[in-house]
Amino acid sequence: TIQQELSEGWSRVIQHDLTGKLDGHSWTVEFPVYIDCTYLNGKYDENGVARHGYAADAPFIDSPRDARYHYTKRFGIESSYRLFEQAIATTTTRDPTVRLLYVVVSLLLQNVWRYLHYEYVATPRRGGRRLWWWPYKEFVNMVRRAAWTALAVRRAVPANRPPDDRFHR
């Protein structure tokens, strides 16, 4: 039903219900779905209308535009958590101070990456900067390699190759 509602019309609020069975009883939950429609105007090289549905039952959401605004903030929070999980160091220690230190370092790395990405990797242009592809994991690997170099950490090279005859003649 929601797919059909998303394929037609303009911004509006609809009531949707889900019915399920639990312990032999039939339960129905009814909630509003905010359908927000905007013109793409060439964004992502596409044109036409983009329709997004937001299932929310909050007293501070009055219109489909409000739902889009609050969900974009939520998307930013979830993205931060995904980045945070990529960079945090794994440990078996139960010391809360050490664990907090790892969290702080992880958040600092995220903020440095965002700053560098915006200031030095993105191209300035009218209407905002264009962010070029530079994944967070690549940045973390760059930092790790730089730390290894700065601390003169070297990996042992296995000696299972035959010696080069050029140097032993």
N, C-alpha and C. Protein backbone atom coordinates (compact mmCIF):
# COMPACT_ATOMS: atom_id res chain seq x y z
N THR A 1 0.83 -1.19 0.00
CA THR A 1 0.00 0.00 0.00
C THR A 1 0.87 1.25 0.00
N ILE A 2 1.93 1.23 0.80
CA ILE A 2 2.80 2.41 0.87
C ILE A 2 3.53 2.60 -0.45
N GLN A 3 3.96 1.50 -1.11
CA GLN A 3 4.63 1.63 -2.41
C GLN A 3 3.71 2.30 -3.41
N GLN A 4 2.45 1.94 -3.40
CA GLN A 4 1.49 2.57 -4.32
C GLN A 4 1.32 4.04 -3.99
N GLU A 5 1.25 4.38 -2.71
CA GLU A 5 1.12 5.78 -2.29
C GLU A 5 2.35 6.59 -2.67
N LEU A 6 3.53 5.95 -2.61
CA LEU A 6 4.77 6.64 -2.97
C LEU A 6 4.91 6.85 -4.47
N SER A 7 4.19 6.12 -5.27
CA SER A 7 4.34 6.23 -6.72
C SER A 7 3.45 7.30 -7.33
N GLU A 8 2.61 7.92 -6.53
CA GLU A 8 1.68 8.91 -7.10
C GLU A 8 1.42 10.04 -6.11
N GLY A 9 0.91 11.12 -6.63
CA GLY A 9 0.51 12.23 -5.78
C GLY A 9 1.64 13.15 -5.37
N TRP A 10 1.31 14.02 -4.43
CA TRP A 10 2.25 15.02 -3.95
C TRP A 10 2.39 14.90 -2.45
N SER A 11 3.07 15.81 -1.79
CA SER A 11 3.32 15.72 -0.35
C SER A 11 2.01 15.66 0.42
N ARG A 12 1.94 14.69 1.35
CA ARG A 12 0.72 14.51 2.12
C ARG A 12 0.99 13.59 3.31
N VAL A 13 -0.01 13.42 4.15
CA VAL A 13 0.07 12.51 5.29
C VAL A 13 -1.03 11.47 5.11
N ILE A 14 -0.66 10.20 5.24
CA ILE A 14 -1.64 9.12 5.15
C ILE A 14 -1.59 8.32 6.44
N GLN A 15 -2.68 7.63 6.73
CA GLN A 15 -2.72 6.73 7.88
C GLN A 15 -2.49 5.31 7.36
N HIS A 16 -1.60 4.59 8.03
CA HIS A 16 -1.29 3.23 7.62
C HIS A 16 -1.43 2.32 8.84
N ASP A 17 -1.85 1.09 8.60
CA ASP A 17 -1.96 0.16 9.72
C ASP A 17 -1.27 -1.16 9.39
N LEU A 18 -0.68 -1.74 10.42
CA LEU A 18 -0.05 -3.04 10.33
C LEU A 18 -0.79 -3.98 11.27
N THR A 19 -1.09 -5.16 10.76
CA THR A 19 -1.80 -6.15 11.57
C THR A 19 -0.93 -7.39 11.69
N GLY A 20 -0.84 -7.91 12.88
CA GLY A 20 -0.05 -9.11 13.12
C GLY A 20 -0.68 -9.96 14.21
N LYS A 21 -0.22 -11.18 14.31
CA LYS A 21 -0.76 -12.09 15.34
C LYS A 21 0.35 -12.43 16.32
N LEU A 22 0.00 -12.41 17.59
CA LEU A 22 0.93 -12.74 18.66
C LEU A 22 0.15 -13.45 19.76
N ASP A 23 0.58 -14.63 20.12
CA ASP A 23 -0.06 -15.43 21.17
C ASP A 23 -1.54 -15.66 20.89
N GLY A 24 -1.87 -15.87 19.64
CA GLY A 24 -3.27 -16.16 19.29
C GLY A 24 -4.15 -14.93 19.20
N HIS A 25 -3.61 -13.75 19.44
CA HIS A 25 -4.41 -12.53 19.35
C HIS A 25 -3.99 -11.75 18.10
N SER A 26 -4.91 -11.05 17.53
CA SER A 26 -4.62 -10.21 16.37
C SER A 26 -4.45 -8.77 16.86
N TRP A 27 -3.32 -8.16 16.51
CA TRP A 27 -3.01 -6.81 16.95
C TRP A 27 -2.88 -5.91 15.74
N THR A 28 -3.37 -4.70 15.86
CA THR A 28 -3.29 -3.71 14.79
C THR A 28 -2.65 -2.45 15.33
N VAL A 29 -1.66 -1.96 14.59
CA VAL A 29 -0.99 -0.71 14.96
C VAL A 29 -1.24 0.28 13.82
N GLU A 30 -1.72 1.44 14.19
CA GLU A 30 -1.99 2.48 13.19
C GLU A 30 -1.06 3.66 13.44
N PHE A 31 -0.47 4.17 12.35
CA PHE A 31 0.47 5.27 12.49
C PHE A 31 0.45 6.13 11.22
N PRO A 32 0.85 7.39 11.35
CA PRO A 32 0.89 8.25 10.17
C PRO A 32 2.16 8.02 9.34
N VAL A 33 2.04 8.14 8.04
CA VAL A 33 3.18 8.09 7.13
C VAL A 33 3.20 9.43 6.40
N TYR A 34 4.31 10.14 6.55
CA TYR A 34 4.48 11.44 5.90
C TYR A 34 5.17 11.21 4.56
N ILE A 35 4.52 11.59 3.47
CA ILE A 35 5.10 11.44 2.15
C ILE A 35 5.55 12.82 1.69
N ASP A 36 6.86 12.98 1.53
CA ASP A 36 7.43 14.26 1.13
C ASP A 36 7.93 14.15 -0.31
N CYS A 37 7.52 15.08 -1.15
CA CYS A 37 7.90 15.07 -2.55
C CYS A 37 8.68 16.34 -2.87
N THR A 38 9.78 16.18 -3.58
CA THR A 38 10.58 17.33 -4.01
C THR A 38 11.02 17.10 -5.45
N TYR A 39 11.32 18.20 -6.12
CA TYR A 39 11.87 18.10 -7.47
C TYR A 39 13.37 17.82 -7.37
N LEU A 40 13.86 16.93 -8.21
CA LEU A 40 15.28 16.60 -8.19
C LEU A 40 16.13 17.68 -8.85
N ASN A 41 15.64 18.32 -9.89
CA ASN A 41 16.34 19.43 -10.56
C ASN A 41 17.79 19.10 -10.91
N GLY A 42 18.02 17.91 -11.45
CA GLY A 42 19.37 17.54 -11.87
C GLY A 42 20.24 17.00 -10.76
N LYS A 43 19.75 16.92 -9.54
CA LYS A 43 20.55 16.36 -8.45
C LYS A 43 20.76 14.87 -8.71
N TYR A 44 22.00 14.40 -8.52
CA TYR A 44 22.38 13.03 -8.84
C TYR A 44 22.14 12.71 -10.31
N ASP A 45 22.22 13.73 -11.16
CA ASP A 45 21.99 13.60 -12.61
C ASP A 45 20.62 13.04 -12.93
N GLU A 46 19.65 13.36 -12.12
CA GLU A 46 18.29 12.90 -12.36
C GLU A 46 17.34 14.08 -12.30
N ASN A 47 16.20 13.92 -12.97
CA ASN A 47 15.15 14.93 -12.96
C ASN A 47 13.84 14.26 -12.58
N GLY A 48 12.84 15.07 -12.32
CA GLY A 48 11.54 14.54 -11.93
C GLY A 48 11.28 14.76 -10.45
N VAL A 49 10.40 13.94 -9.92
CA VAL A 49 9.98 14.09 -8.53
C VAL A 49 10.54 12.95 -7.69
N ALA A 50 11.11 13.29 -6.55
CA ALA A 50 11.57 12.29 -5.59
C ALA A 50 10.54 12.23 -4.47
N ARG A 51 10.05 11.04 -4.20
CA ARG A 51 9.07 10.85 -3.14
C ARG A 51 9.68 9.99 -2.05
N HIS A 52 9.59 10.46 -0.80
CA HIS A 52 10.13 9.73 0.34
C HIS A 52 9.05 9.60 1.40
N GLY A 53 8.95 8.42 1.97
CA GLY A 53 7.97 8.18 3.03
C GLY A 53 8.65 8.07 4.37
N TYR A 54 8.08 8.72 5.37
CA TYR A 54 8.62 8.71 6.73
C TYR A 54 7.53 8.25 7.68
N ALA A 55 7.74 7.13 8.35
CA ALA A 55 6.79 6.64 9.35
C ALA A 55 7.20 7.23 10.69
N ALA A 56 6.42 8.16 11.17
CA ALA A 56 6.76 8.83 12.42
C ALA A 56 5.49 9.23 13.15
N ASP A 57 5.51 9.05 14.43
CA ASP A 57 4.38 9.48 15.25
C ASP A 57 4.93 10.29 16.40
N ALA A 58 5.36 11.50 16.08
CA ALA A 58 5.97 12.38 17.08
C ALA A 58 5.17 13.68 17.14
N PRO A 59 5.02 14.25 18.33
CA PRO A 59 4.22 15.47 18.44
C PRO A 59 4.86 16.68 17.77
N PHE A 60 6.17 16.66 17.54
CA PHE A 60 6.84 17.82 16.94
C PHE A 60 6.87 17.76 15.41
N ILE A 61 6.36 16.70 14.82
CA ILE A 61 6.30 16.60 13.36
C ILE A 61 4.88 16.89 12.92
N ASP A 62 4.73 18.01 12.19
CA ASP A 62 3.40 18.44 11.75
C ASP A 62 3.17 18.26 10.26
N SER A 63 4.26 18.24 9.49
CA SER A 63 4.11 18.21 8.03
C SER A 63 5.16 17.27 7.44
N PRO A 64 5.00 16.89 6.17
CA PRO A 64 6.02 16.07 5.52
C PRO A 64 7.39 16.74 5.49
N ARG A 65 7.43 18.06 5.38
CA ARG A 65 8.71 18.78 5.39
C ARG A 65 9.38 18.64 6.75
N ASP A 66 8.61 18.72 7.83
CA ASP A 66 9.17 18.52 9.18
C ASP A 66 9.74 17.12 9.32
N ALA A 67 9.04 16.12 8.79
CA ALA A 67 9.52 14.74 8.88
C ALA A 67 10.85 14.60 8.15
N ARG A 68 10.96 15.19 6.95
CA ARG A 68 12.23 15.11 6.20
C ARG A 68 13.34 15.79 6.99
N TYR A 69 13.08 16.95 7.57
CA TYR A 69 14.08 17.68 8.34
C TYR A 69 14.60 16.84 9.51
N HIS A 70 13.69 16.25 10.28
CA HIS A 70 14.10 15.47 11.46
C HIS A 70 14.77 14.16 11.06
N TYR A 71 14.34 13.54 9.98
CA TYR A 71 14.99 12.30 9.55
C TYR A 71 16.38 12.56 9.00
N THR A 72 16.64 13.69 8.37
CA THR A 72 17.99 13.97 7.89
C THR A 72 18.94 14.12 9.07
N LYS A 73 18.47 14.71 10.17
CA LYS A 73 19.33 14.79 11.36
C LYS A 73 19.60 13.38 11.90
N ARG A 74 18.60 12.53 11.90
CA ARG A 74 18.76 11.17 12.38
C ARG A 74 19.74 10.40 11.48
N PHE A 75 19.67 10.62 10.18
CA PHE A 75 20.58 9.95 9.26
C PHE A 75 22.03 10.33 9.56
N GLY A 76 22.26 11.61 9.89
CA GLY A 76 23.61 12.06 10.24
C GLY A 76 24.13 11.36 11.50
N ILE A 77 23.25 11.16 12.47
CA ILE A 77 23.64 10.49 13.70
C ILE A 77 24.01 9.03 13.41
N GLU A 78 23.20 8.34 12.62
CA GLU A 78 23.48 6.94 12.31
C GLU A 78 24.75 6.80 11.48
N SER A 79 25.00 7.74 10.58
CA SER A 79 26.25 7.70 9.80
C SER A 79 27.46 7.88 10.70
N SER A 80 27.35 8.76 11.68
CA SER A 80 28.45 8.96 12.62
C SER A 80 28.74 7.68 13.40
N TYR A 81 27.70 6.96 13.81
CA TYR A 81 27.92 5.71 14.52
C TYR A 81 28.61 4.68 13.63
N ARG A 82 28.22 4.61 12.35
CA ARG A 82 28.87 3.65 11.45
C ARG A 82 30.36 4.00 11.29
N LEU A 83 30.67 5.28 11.12
CA LEU A 83 32.07 5.69 11.03
C LEU A 83 32.81 5.39 12.33
N PHE A 84 32.16 5.65 13.44
CA PHE A 84 32.77 5.43 14.75
C PHE A 84 33.16 3.97 14.91
N GLU A 85 32.29 3.05 14.48
CA GLU A 85 32.58 1.63 14.62
C GLU A 85 33.71 1.19 13.71
N GLN A 86 33.94 1.89 12.60
CA GLN A 86 35.03 1.53 11.70
C GLN A 86 36.39 1.91 12.28
N ALA A 87 36.45 2.92 13.12
CA ALA A 87 37.74 3.44 13.56
C ALA A 87 38.10 3.09 14.99
N ILE A 88 37.16 2.61 15.77
CA ILE A 88 37.48 2.37 17.18
C ILE A 88 38.40 1.15 17.31
N ALA A 89 39.34 1.25 18.19
CA ALA A 89 40.28 0.16 18.42
C ALA A 89 39.60 -0.91 19.27
N THR A 90 39.85 -2.15 18.94
CA THR A 90 39.28 -3.23 19.73
C THR A 90 40.22 -3.54 20.90
N THR A 91 39.62 -3.82 22.02
CA THR A 91 40.40 -4.09 23.22
C THR A 91 39.64 -5.06 24.12
N THR A 92 40.38 -5.74 24.96
CA THR A 92 39.75 -6.63 25.93
C THR A 92 39.82 -6.05 27.34
N THR A 93 40.39 -4.88 27.46
CA THR A 93 40.51 -4.28 28.78
C THR A 93 39.14 -3.84 29.29
N ARG A 94 38.98 -3.91 30.59
CA ARG A 94 37.74 -3.45 31.21
C ARG A 94 37.94 -2.07 31.86
N ASP A 95 39.12 -1.52 31.72
CA ASP A 95 39.42 -0.22 32.30
C ASP A 95 38.64 0.86 31.54
N PRO A 96 37.71 1.54 32.20
CA PRO A 96 36.90 2.53 31.49
C PRO A 96 37.71 3.72 30.97
N THR A 97 38.82 4.02 31.62
CA THR A 97 39.64 5.13 31.15
C THR A 97 40.26 4.82 29.79
N VAL A 98 40.76 3.62 29.63
CA VAL A 98 41.36 3.23 28.35
C VAL A 98 40.28 3.18 27.27
N ARG A 99 39.12 2.64 27.60
CA ARG A 99 38.03 2.56 26.62
C ARG A 99 37.57 3.96 26.20
N LEU A 100 37.49 4.88 27.18
CA LEU A 100 37.11 6.26 26.86
C LEU A 100 38.17 6.92 25.98
N LEU A 101 39.44 6.64 26.25
CA LEU A 101 40.51 7.18 25.43
C LEU A 101 40.36 6.72 23.98
N TYR A 102 40.04 5.44 23.76
CA TYR A 102 39.85 4.92 22.40
C TYR A 102 38.66 5.60 21.72
N VAL A 103 37.60 5.84 22.45
CA VAL A 103 36.43 6.52 21.88
C VAL A 103 36.79 7.94 21.48
N VAL A 104 37.51 8.65 22.33
CA VAL A 104 37.90 10.03 22.03
C VAL A 104 38.81 10.08 20.81
N VAL A 105 39.77 9.17 20.73
CA VAL A 105 40.66 9.14 19.57
C VAL A 105 39.87 8.85 18.30
N SER A 106 38.91 7.94 18.37
CA SER A 106 38.07 7.61 17.22
C SER A 106 37.26 8.83 16.75
N LEU A 107 36.66 9.53 17.69
CA LEU A 107 35.88 10.72 17.32
C LEU A 107 36.77 11.83 16.76
N LEU A 108 37.97 11.98 17.31
CA LEU A 108 38.91 12.97 16.77
C LEU A 108 39.31 12.61 15.34
N LEU A 109 39.56 11.34 15.08
CA LEU A 109 39.89 10.91 13.72
C LEU A 109 38.75 11.23 12.75
N GLN A 110 37.52 10.99 13.18
CA GLN A 110 36.36 11.31 12.33
C GLN A 110 36.32 12.79 11.99
N ASN A 111 36.49 13.62 13.00
CA ASN A 111 36.42 15.06 12.76
C ASN A 111 37.56 15.56 11.90
N VAL A 112 38.75 15.02 12.08
CA VAL A 112 39.88 15.41 11.23
C VAL A 112 39.60 15.00 9.79
N TRP A 113 39.07 13.79 9.59
CA TRP A 113 38.75 13.33 8.23
C TRP A 113 37.71 14.24 7.58
N ARG A 114 36.66 14.58 8.34
CA ARG A 114 35.62 15.45 7.77
C ARG A 114 36.20 16.82 7.41
N TYR A 115 37.03 17.38 8.28
CA TYR A 115 37.63 18.68 8.01
C TYR A 115 38.53 18.62 6.77
N LEU A 116 39.42 17.64 6.72
CA LEU A 116 40.32 17.52 5.57
C LEU A 116 39.55 17.25 4.28
N HIS A 117 38.52 16.42 4.38
CA HIS A 117 37.72 16.12 3.21
C HIS A 117 37.04 17.38 2.68
N TYR A 118 36.50 18.19 3.55
CA TYR A 118 35.79 19.40 3.14
C TYR A 118 36.76 20.48 2.66
N GLU A 119 37.85 20.69 3.39
CA GLU A 119 38.75 21.80 3.09
C GLU A 119 39.71 21.52 1.94
N TYR A 120 40.20 20.30 1.82
CA TYR A 120 41.28 20.04 0.86
C TYR A 120 40.91 19.08 -0.26
N VAL A 121 39.93 18.22 -0.06
CA VAL A 121 39.57 17.26 -1.10
C VAL A 121 38.39 17.77 -1.93
N ALA A 122 37.46 18.46 -1.30
CA ALA A 122 36.27 18.96 -2.00
C ALA A 122 36.63 20.15 -2.89
N THR A 123 35.91 20.25 -3.99
CA THR A 123 36.12 21.34 -4.93
C THR A 123 35.10 22.44 -4.66
N PRO A 124 35.56 23.69 -4.45
CA PRO A 124 34.59 24.77 -4.27
C PRO A 124 33.82 25.02 -5.57
N ARG A 125 32.54 25.27 -5.44
CA ARG A 125 31.72 25.59 -6.60
C ARG A 125 30.48 26.32 -6.11
N ARG A 126 29.78 26.92 -7.04
CA ARG A 126 28.57 27.64 -6.67
C ARG A 126 27.54 26.64 -6.15
N GLY A 127 26.90 26.96 -5.05
CA GLY A 127 25.90 26.08 -4.46
C GLY A 127 26.46 25.08 -3.47
N GLY A 128 27.73 25.20 -3.13
CA GLY A 128 28.34 24.29 -2.17
C GLY A 128 29.48 23.52 -2.79
N ARG A 129 30.26 22.90 -1.98
CA ARG A 129 31.43 22.16 -2.46
C ARG A 129 31.03 20.79 -2.99
N ARG A 130 31.81 20.30 -3.95
CA ARG A 130 31.61 18.95 -4.47
C ARG A 130 32.58 18.03 -3.74
N LEU A 131 32.04 17.08 -3.02
CA LEU A 131 32.88 16.14 -2.28
C LEU A 131 33.31 15.02 -3.21
N TRP A 132 34.60 14.83 -3.33
CA TRP A 132 35.16 13.75 -4.13
C TRP A 132 35.24 12.50 -3.28
N TRP A 133 35.38 11.36 -3.92
CA TRP A 133 35.42 10.07 -3.25
C TRP A 133 36.72 9.94 -2.46
N TRP A 134 36.60 9.81 -1.18
CA TRP A 134 37.73 9.56 -0.29
C TRP A 134 37.18 8.85 0.94
N PRO A 135 37.17 7.51 0.94
CA PRO A 135 36.53 6.79 2.04
C PRO A 135 37.27 6.94 3.36
N TYR A 136 36.51 6.85 4.41
CA TYR A 136 37.05 7.00 5.75
C TYR A 136 38.07 5.91 6.06
N LYS A 137 37.81 4.67 5.60
CA LYS A 137 38.76 3.58 5.87
C LYS A 137 40.11 3.87 5.23
N GLU A 138 40.11 4.48 4.06
CA GLU A 138 41.38 4.83 3.42
C GLU A 138 42.13 5.86 4.26
N PHE A 139 41.40 6.83 4.81
CA PHE A 139 42.03 7.82 5.67
C PHE A 139 42.63 7.17 6.91
N VAL A 140 41.90 6.24 7.53
CA VAL A 140 42.40 5.57 8.72
C VAL A 140 43.66 4.77 8.38
N ASN A 141 43.66 4.12 7.22
CA ASN A 141 44.86 3.38 6.80
C ASN A 141 46.04 4.33 6.56
N MET A 142 45.79 5.51 6.02
CA MET A 142 46.85 6.50 5.82
C MET A 142 47.43 6.92 7.17
N VAL A 143 46.57 7.16 8.14
CA VAL A 143 47.04 7.56 9.47
C VAL A 143 47.86 6.44 10.10
N ARG A 144 47.41 5.20 9.95
CA ARG A 144 48.14 4.07 10.51
C ARG A 144 49.53 3.94 9.88
N ARG A 145 49.59 4.07 8.54
CA ARG A 145 50.90 3.98 7.87
C ARG A 145 51.81 5.12 8.30
N ALA A 146 51.26 6.32 8.45
CA ALA A 146 52.07 7.46 8.90
C ALA A 146 52.58 7.24 10.32
N ALA A 147 51.74 6.65 11.17
CA ALA A 147 52.18 6.38 12.55
C ALA A 147 53.28 5.33 12.56
N TRP A 148 53.14 4.30 11.73
CA TRP A 148 54.19 3.28 11.65
C TRP A 148 55.50 3.89 11.19
N THR A 149 55.42 4.76 10.20
CA THR A 149 56.64 5.39 9.70
C THR A 149 57.25 6.30 10.76
N ALA A 150 56.41 7.07 11.43
CA ALA A 150 56.92 7.99 12.45
C ALA A 150 57.53 7.24 13.63
N LEU A 151 56.99 6.12 13.95
CA LEU A 151 57.51 5.35 15.08
C LEU A 151 58.55 4.32 14.65
N ALA A 152 58.89 4.31 13.38
CA ALA A 152 59.89 3.40 12.81
C ALA A 152 59.54 1.95 13.06
N VAL A 153 58.29 1.63 12.93
CA VAL A 153 57.84 0.25 13.07
C VAL A 153 58.00 -0.42 11.72
N ARG A 154 58.68 -1.55 11.70
CA ARG A 154 58.91 -2.26 10.44
C ARG A 154 58.37 -3.68 10.58
N ARG A 155 57.89 -4.17 9.46
CA ARG A 155 57.43 -5.55 9.44
C ARG A 155 58.58 -6.47 9.04
N ALA A 156 58.59 -7.64 9.60
CA ALA A 156 59.63 -8.63 9.24
C ALA A 156 59.28 -9.22 7.88
N VAL A 157 60.26 -9.27 7.01
CA VAL A 157 60.08 -9.83 5.69
C VAL A 157 60.48 -11.29 5.74
N PRO A 158 59.62 -12.21 5.33
CA PRO A 158 59.99 -13.62 5.39
C PRO A 158 61.13 -13.92 4.44
N ALA A 159 62.06 -14.74 4.88
CA ALA A 159 63.26 -15.06 4.10
C ALA A 159 63.11 -16.41 3.43
N ASN A 160 61.98 -16.65 2.80
CA ASN A 160 61.78 -17.93 2.15
C ASN A 160 62.04 -17.85 0.64
N ARG A 161 62.69 -16.79 0.18
CA ARG A 161 63.05 -16.67 -1.23
C ARG A 161 64.52 -17.06 -1.40
N PRO A 162 64.85 -17.60 -2.56
CA PRO A 162 66.27 -17.90 -2.79
C PRO A 162 67.06 -16.60 -2.91
N PRO A 163 68.30 -16.59 -2.50
CA PRO A 163 69.11 -15.36 -2.57
C PRO A 163 69.30 -14.93 -4.00
N ASP A 164 69.41 -13.63 -4.20
CA ASP A 164 69.63 -13.07 -5.53
C ASP A 164 71.10 -13.26 -5.91
N ASP A 165 71.37 -13.90 -7.06
CA ASP A 165 72.73 -14.23 -7.46
C ASP A 165 73.53 -12.99 -7.88
N ARG A 166 72.88 -11.90 -8.18
CA ARG A 166 73.61 -10.71 -8.62
C ARG A 166 74.52 -10.18 -7.52
N PHE A 167 74.11 -10.32 -6.27
CA PHE A 167 74.87 -9.74 -5.18
C PHE A 167 75.86 -10.72 -4.57
N HIS A 168 75.83 -11.98 -4.96
CA HIS A 168 76.69 -12.98 -4.34
C HIS A 168 77.76 -13.51 -5.29
N ARG A 169 78.08 -12.84 -6.34
CA ARG A 169 79.10 -13.30 -7.28
C ARG A 169 80.45 -12.75 -6.94
